[in-house]
Structure formats: structure tokens, C-alpha cells
Amino acid sequence: MENQLIVVYCSCPDNKTAEHIAEIAVSELLAACASIIPGLNSIYRWRGKVCRNSELLLILKTQEITYRLLEARICELHPYEVPEIIAFPIHAGAANYLTWLKDNTSAPLL
């Protein structure tokens, strides 16, 4: 069974947090690439109240086999009590990009 490539979304409260998580994830080979998209307006329910905040979206490209390590690292570095961390499969992409993604993430030894 081939290892699935995935995209991981993580909302962040500020650019400093997003850049810090991105830098560590890429340097530790937990993600091949990280993109930061500013300008999110998030509306969500927290502890019984509707809240509104400005956030950034951190998008990390990695392999499914690396996901649990990436999730744990994000939780360790993120200031939120319950950070948004969700993953989506990559169903298709440019072959040379997908090869590069695989080559720049590290599958943990099991």
C-alpha cells in the first residue's frame, strides 16, 4: 500500500506563530512545504459563545505516515488550547511536484 500524500490546514493567531511552526515542520522534515495565507476572519463557537478573530491559515504538505508526528509538533508549538489541525488527501498533482514532496518529508521508522 502506497503512502498517501496529504495537505494539512492549521489556523494560527498571528504571523509569528505560523512562521515558527512552518520553519520547524519543514526543518524537521515533517512537511516538505508550508504556505501562509493571511486575512482569515474566523467565526466559531468557543465555551458557549460565538467568537470572531483574525487569523492566518498555515498549509503544510506532507505524507500521511508523518501526520501524527506533525500534529504532535503543532500542538506543542501552538498557543491555542485546541488548535485547528485537519488533513486532506492529495488525489492528484504534477508528478515531479509529488516526487519532490515525498523526497522532502521523512517517513518515521516503525
N, C-alpha and C. Protein backbone atom coordinates (compact mmCIF):
# COMPACT_ATOMS: atom_id res chain seq x y z
N MET A 1 0.84 -1.18 0.00
CA MET A 1 0.00 0.00 0.00
C MET A 1 0.89 1.25 0.00
N GLU A 2 0.64 2.14 -0.94
CA GLU A 2 1.46 3.35 -1.07
C GLU A 2 1.07 4.37 -0.02
N ASN A 3 2.05 5.11 0.48
CA ASN A 3 1.83 6.17 1.46
C ASN A 3 1.11 7.34 0.81
N GLN A 4 0.01 7.76 1.37
CA GLN A 4 -0.81 8.86 0.85
C GLN A 4 -0.15 10.20 1.13
N LEU A 5 -0.15 11.07 0.14
CA LEU A 5 0.29 12.44 0.34
C LEU A 5 -0.90 13.26 0.82
N ILE A 6 -0.66 14.20 1.72
CA ILE A 6 -1.75 14.98 2.31
C ILE A 6 -1.39 16.46 2.41
N VAL A 7 -2.43 17.26 2.57
CA VAL A 7 -2.32 18.68 2.87
C VAL A 7 -2.92 18.88 4.25
N VAL A 8 -2.22 19.60 5.13
CA VAL A 8 -2.68 19.84 6.50
C VAL A 8 -2.97 21.33 6.67
N TYR A 9 -4.16 21.66 7.15
CA TYR A 9 -4.54 23.03 7.45
C TYR A 9 -4.42 23.27 8.95
N CYS A 10 -3.90 24.42 9.30
CA CYS A 10 -3.80 24.82 10.70
C CYS A 10 -4.00 26.33 10.78
N SER A 11 -5.03 26.78 11.48
CA SER A 11 -5.21 28.22 11.64
C SER A 11 -4.30 28.71 12.77
N CYS A 12 -3.76 29.91 12.59
CA CYS A 12 -2.82 30.49 13.55
C CYS A 12 -3.25 31.91 13.91
N PRO A 13 -2.95 32.35 15.13
CA PRO A 13 -3.40 33.67 15.56
C PRO A 13 -2.60 34.83 14.96
N ASP A 14 -1.37 34.55 14.54
CA ASP A 14 -0.52 35.64 14.04
C ASP A 14 0.59 35.06 13.15
N ASN A 15 1.26 35.96 12.44
CA ASN A 15 2.31 35.55 11.50
C ASN A 15 3.49 34.90 12.23
N LYS A 16 3.84 35.41 13.38
CA LYS A 16 4.97 34.86 14.14
C LYS A 16 4.74 33.38 14.45
N THR A 17 3.55 33.05 14.91
CA THR A 17 3.22 31.65 15.23
C THR A 17 3.25 30.79 13.97
N ALA A 18 2.64 31.26 12.90
CA ALA A 18 2.59 30.49 11.65
C ALA A 18 3.99 30.26 11.10
N GLU A 19 4.82 31.29 11.09
CA GLU A 19 6.18 31.15 10.58
C GLU A 19 7.02 30.21 11.45
N HIS A 20 6.84 30.28 12.75
CA HIS A 20 7.59 29.42 13.67
C HIS A 20 7.24 27.95 13.45
N ILE A 21 5.94 27.65 13.39
CA ILE A 21 5.51 26.27 13.16
C ILE A 21 5.98 25.80 11.79
N ALA A 22 5.84 26.64 10.78
CA ALA A 22 6.26 26.27 9.42
C ALA A 22 7.75 25.97 9.37
N GLU A 23 8.55 26.83 9.94
CA GLU A 23 10.01 26.67 9.92
C GLU A 23 10.42 25.36 10.58
N ILE A 24 9.85 25.05 11.72
CA ILE A 24 10.20 23.82 12.43
C ILE A 24 9.71 22.59 11.67
N ALA A 25 8.48 22.64 11.16
CA ALA A 25 7.93 21.49 10.42
C ALA A 25 8.78 21.16 9.20
N VAL A 26 9.19 22.18 8.46
CA VAL A 26 10.00 21.95 7.26
C VAL A 26 11.42 21.53 7.64
N SER A 27 12.01 22.18 8.63
CA SER A 27 13.40 21.84 9.00
C SER A 27 13.50 20.44 9.60
N GLU A 28 12.43 19.96 10.25
CA GLU A 28 12.43 18.62 10.84
C GLU A 28 11.89 17.55 9.87
N LEU A 29 11.68 17.93 8.61
CA LEU A 29 11.19 17.03 7.56
C LEU A 29 9.80 16.48 7.86
N LEU A 30 9.03 17.18 8.67
CA LEU A 30 7.64 16.80 8.93
C LEU A 30 6.72 17.30 7.84
N ALA A 31 7.18 18.29 7.09
CA ALA A 31 6.47 18.82 5.93
C ALA A 31 7.50 19.24 4.90
N ALA A 32 7.16 19.08 3.63
CA ALA A 32 8.07 19.48 2.56
C ALA A 32 7.94 20.97 2.28
N CYS A 33 6.77 21.51 2.54
CA CYS A 33 6.49 22.90 2.19
C CYS A 33 5.41 23.43 3.13
N ALA A 34 5.49 24.72 3.41
CA ALA A 34 4.46 25.38 4.21
C ALA A 34 4.11 26.70 3.53
N SER A 35 2.84 26.98 3.45
CA SER A 35 2.35 28.24 2.89
C SER A 35 1.51 28.94 3.94
N ILE A 36 1.66 30.25 4.02
CA ILE A 36 0.90 31.03 5.00
C ILE A 36 0.00 31.99 4.25
N ILE A 37 -1.29 31.90 4.52
CA ILE A 37 -2.27 32.76 3.87
C ILE A 37 -2.86 33.69 4.94
N PRO A 38 -2.60 34.99 4.82
CA PRO A 38 -3.15 35.95 5.79
C PRO A 38 -4.59 36.31 5.45
N GLY A 39 -5.23 36.99 6.38
CA GLY A 39 -6.53 37.60 6.11
C GLY A 39 -7.75 36.76 6.38
N LEU A 40 -7.65 35.75 7.22
CA LEU A 40 -8.84 34.97 7.57
C LEU A 40 -9.65 35.70 8.62
N ASN A 41 -10.94 35.66 8.47
CA ASN A 41 -11.85 36.13 9.52
C ASN A 41 -12.60 34.91 10.01
N SER A 42 -12.25 34.42 11.17
CA SER A 42 -12.84 33.20 11.70
C SER A 42 -13.97 33.51 12.66
N ILE A 43 -15.06 32.81 12.48
CA ILE A 43 -16.22 32.90 13.37
C ILE A 43 -16.47 31.47 13.86
N TYR A 44 -16.45 31.30 15.18
CA TYR A 44 -16.53 29.95 15.73
C TYR A 44 -17.17 30.00 17.12
N ARG A 45 -17.60 28.84 17.57
CA ARG A 45 -18.18 28.72 18.91
C ARG A 45 -17.09 28.23 19.85
N TRP A 46 -16.91 28.92 20.98
CA TRP A 46 -15.92 28.52 21.98
C TRP A 46 -16.51 28.76 23.35
N ARG A 47 -16.62 27.68 24.13
CA ARG A 47 -17.15 27.73 25.50
C ARG A 47 -18.50 28.43 25.58
N GLY A 48 -19.37 28.05 24.64
CA GLY A 48 -20.74 28.54 24.65
C GLY A 48 -20.97 29.91 24.04
N LYS A 49 -19.93 30.54 23.51
CA LYS A 49 -20.06 31.87 22.91
C LYS A 49 -19.60 31.85 21.47
N VAL A 50 -20.22 32.70 20.66
CA VAL A 50 -19.76 32.88 19.29
C VAL A 50 -18.63 33.91 19.32
N CYS A 51 -17.49 33.54 18.78
CA CYS A 51 -16.30 34.39 18.79
C CYS A 51 -15.91 34.75 17.37
N ARG A 52 -15.20 35.86 17.25
CA ARG A 52 -14.66 36.31 15.96
C ARG A 52 -13.21 36.71 16.16
N ASN A 53 -12.34 36.24 15.26
CA ASN A 53 -10.92 36.59 15.33
C ASN A 53 -10.33 36.66 13.94
N SER A 54 -9.30 37.47 13.81
CA SER A 54 -8.47 37.46 12.61
C SER A 54 -7.41 36.40 12.79
N GLU A 55 -7.21 35.59 11.77
CA GLU A 55 -6.23 34.52 11.83
C GLU A 55 -5.50 34.41 10.50
N LEU A 56 -4.54 33.51 10.45
CA LEU A 56 -3.84 33.14 9.22
C LEU A 56 -4.03 31.65 9.04
N LEU A 57 -3.96 31.20 7.79
CA LEU A 57 -4.05 29.77 7.51
C LEU A 57 -2.68 29.25 7.13
N LEU A 58 -2.20 28.28 7.87
CA LEU A 58 -0.95 27.61 7.58
C LEU A 58 -1.30 26.32 6.84
N ILE A 59 -0.74 26.15 5.65
CA ILE A 59 -0.98 24.96 4.83
C ILE A 59 0.34 24.21 4.71
N LEU A 60 0.34 22.97 5.16
CA LEU A 60 1.55 22.13 5.16
C LEU A 60 1.32 20.94 4.24
N LYS A 61 2.31 20.63 3.40
CA LYS A 61 2.23 19.49 2.51
C LYS A 61 3.16 18.40 3.03
N THR A 62 2.62 17.18 3.20
CA THR A 62 3.39 16.11 3.80
C THR A 62 2.85 14.74 3.37
N GLN A 63 3.29 13.71 4.08
CA GLN A 63 2.83 12.35 3.86
C GLN A 63 1.97 11.90 5.05
N GLU A 64 1.02 11.05 4.76
CA GLU A 64 0.13 10.56 5.82
C GLU A 64 0.91 9.87 6.94
N ILE A 65 1.95 9.15 6.59
CA ILE A 65 2.73 8.43 7.60
C ILE A 65 3.42 9.39 8.58
N THR A 66 3.61 10.63 8.18
CA THR A 66 4.26 11.63 9.02
C THR A 66 3.25 12.46 9.80
N TYR A 67 1.96 12.30 9.50
CA TYR A 67 0.94 13.16 10.07
C TYR A 67 0.95 13.21 11.61
N ARG A 68 0.98 12.09 12.27
CA ARG A 68 0.89 12.08 13.75
C ARG A 68 2.04 12.85 14.39
N LEU A 69 3.24 12.72 13.83
CA LEU A 69 4.38 13.48 14.36
C LEU A 69 4.19 14.98 14.11
N LEU A 70 3.69 15.33 12.92
CA LEU A 70 3.43 16.74 12.61
C LEU A 70 2.35 17.30 13.53
N GLU A 71 1.28 16.56 13.72
CA GLU A 71 0.20 17.02 14.61
C GLU A 71 0.73 17.25 16.03
N ALA A 72 1.51 16.32 16.54
CA ALA A 72 2.06 16.46 17.89
C ALA A 72 2.96 17.69 17.99
N ARG A 73 3.75 17.92 16.96
CA ARG A 73 4.67 19.07 16.97
C ARG A 73 3.88 20.38 16.92
N ILE A 74 2.84 20.43 16.10
CA ILE A 74 2.00 21.63 16.04
C ILE A 74 1.37 21.89 17.41
N CYS A 75 0.83 20.87 18.03
CA CYS A 75 0.20 21.04 19.35
C CYS A 75 1.21 21.55 20.38
N GLU A 76 2.43 21.08 20.28
CA GLU A 76 3.49 21.50 21.20
C GLU A 76 3.83 22.99 21.01
N LEU A 77 3.78 23.47 19.78
CA LEU A 77 4.22 24.83 19.45
C LEU A 77 3.09 25.86 19.41
N HIS A 78 1.86 25.41 19.27
CA HIS A 78 0.71 26.30 19.04
C HIS A 78 0.18 26.87 20.36
N PRO A 79 -0.19 28.15 20.36
CA PRO A 79 -0.70 28.75 21.60
C PRO A 79 -2.15 28.42 21.93
N TYR A 80 -2.93 27.94 20.96
CA TYR A 80 -4.33 27.64 21.22
C TYR A 80 -4.47 26.38 22.07
N GLU A 81 -5.47 26.36 22.92
CA GLU A 81 -5.79 25.17 23.70
C GLU A 81 -6.22 24.03 22.79
N VAL A 82 -7.00 24.36 21.76
CA VAL A 82 -7.47 23.38 20.78
C VAL A 82 -7.21 23.95 19.38
N PRO A 83 -6.01 23.75 18.86
CA PRO A 83 -5.72 24.29 17.52
C PRO A 83 -6.46 23.51 16.44
N GLU A 84 -6.84 24.22 15.39
CA GLU A 84 -7.42 23.57 14.22
C GLU A 84 -6.28 22.88 13.47
N ILE A 85 -6.38 21.56 13.35
CA ILE A 85 -5.42 20.79 12.57
C ILE A 85 -6.25 19.74 11.83
N ILE A 86 -6.36 19.92 10.52
CA ILE A 86 -7.13 18.97 9.72
C ILE A 86 -6.33 18.61 8.46
N ALA A 87 -6.51 17.40 7.98
CA ALA A 87 -5.74 16.92 6.83
C ALA A 87 -6.67 16.43 5.73
N PHE A 88 -6.21 16.65 4.49
CA PHE A 88 -6.94 16.24 3.30
C PHE A 88 -6.00 15.46 2.39
N PRO A 89 -6.50 14.40 1.76
CA PRO A 89 -5.65 13.66 0.83
C PRO A 89 -5.40 14.46 -0.45
N ILE A 90 -4.23 14.25 -1.02
CA ILE A 90 -3.93 14.79 -2.34
C ILE A 90 -4.25 13.67 -3.33
N HIS A 91 -5.27 13.89 -4.14
CA HIS A 91 -5.71 12.85 -5.09
C HIS A 91 -4.90 12.86 -6.38
N ALA A 92 -4.39 14.02 -6.75
CA ALA A 92 -3.62 14.13 -7.99
C ALA A 92 -2.75 15.37 -7.91
N GLY A 93 -1.74 15.40 -8.75
CA GLY A 93 -0.85 16.56 -8.82
C GLY A 93 0.23 16.31 -9.85
N ALA A 94 1.01 17.33 -10.12
CA ALA A 94 2.12 17.19 -11.06
C ALA A 94 3.09 16.15 -10.53
N ALA A 95 3.43 15.19 -11.35
CA ALA A 95 4.27 14.06 -10.92
C ALA A 95 5.58 14.54 -10.32
N ASN A 96 6.22 15.51 -10.94
CA ASN A 96 7.52 15.96 -10.41
C ASN A 96 7.36 16.68 -9.07
N TYR A 97 6.23 17.39 -8.87
CA TYR A 97 5.98 18.03 -7.56
C TYR A 97 5.73 16.97 -6.49
N LEU A 98 4.94 15.98 -6.81
CA LEU A 98 4.62 14.94 -5.82
C LEU A 98 5.86 14.13 -5.45
N THR A 99 6.73 13.90 -6.41
CA THR A 99 8.01 13.23 -6.11
C THR A 99 8.84 14.09 -5.19
N TRP A 100 8.91 15.39 -5.47
CA TRP A 100 9.65 16.32 -4.62
C TRP A 100 9.08 16.32 -3.20
N LEU A 101 7.74 16.31 -3.09
CA LEU A 101 7.10 16.28 -1.77
C LEU A 101 7.54 15.05 -1.00
N LYS A 102 7.48 13.90 -1.64
CA LYS A 102 7.90 12.65 -0.97
C LYS A 102 9.37 12.71 -0.56
N ASP A 103 10.20 13.24 -1.45
CA ASP A 103 11.64 13.29 -1.18
C ASP A 103 12.03 14.25 -0.06
N ASN A 104 11.14 15.18 0.27
CA ASN A 104 11.46 16.20 1.26
C ASN A 104 10.66 16.09 2.55
N THR A 105 10.10 14.92 2.77
CA THR A 105 9.49 14.59 4.06
C THR A 105 10.08 13.25 4.50
N SER A 106 10.12 13.05 5.78
CA SER A 106 10.76 11.86 6.31
C SER A 106 9.72 10.93 6.92
N ALA A 107 9.60 9.75 6.37
CA ALA A 107 8.71 8.75 6.96
C ALA A 107 9.39 8.19 8.21
N PRO A 108 8.71 8.20 9.34
CA PRO A 108 9.33 7.67 10.56
C PRO A 108 9.59 6.18 10.48
N LEU A 109 10.62 5.73 11.15
CA LEU A 109 10.91 4.30 11.21
C LEU A 109 9.94 3.65 12.18
N LEU A 110 9.30 2.61 11.74
CA LEU A 110 8.31 1.92 12.59
C LEU A 110 8.88 0.65 13.16
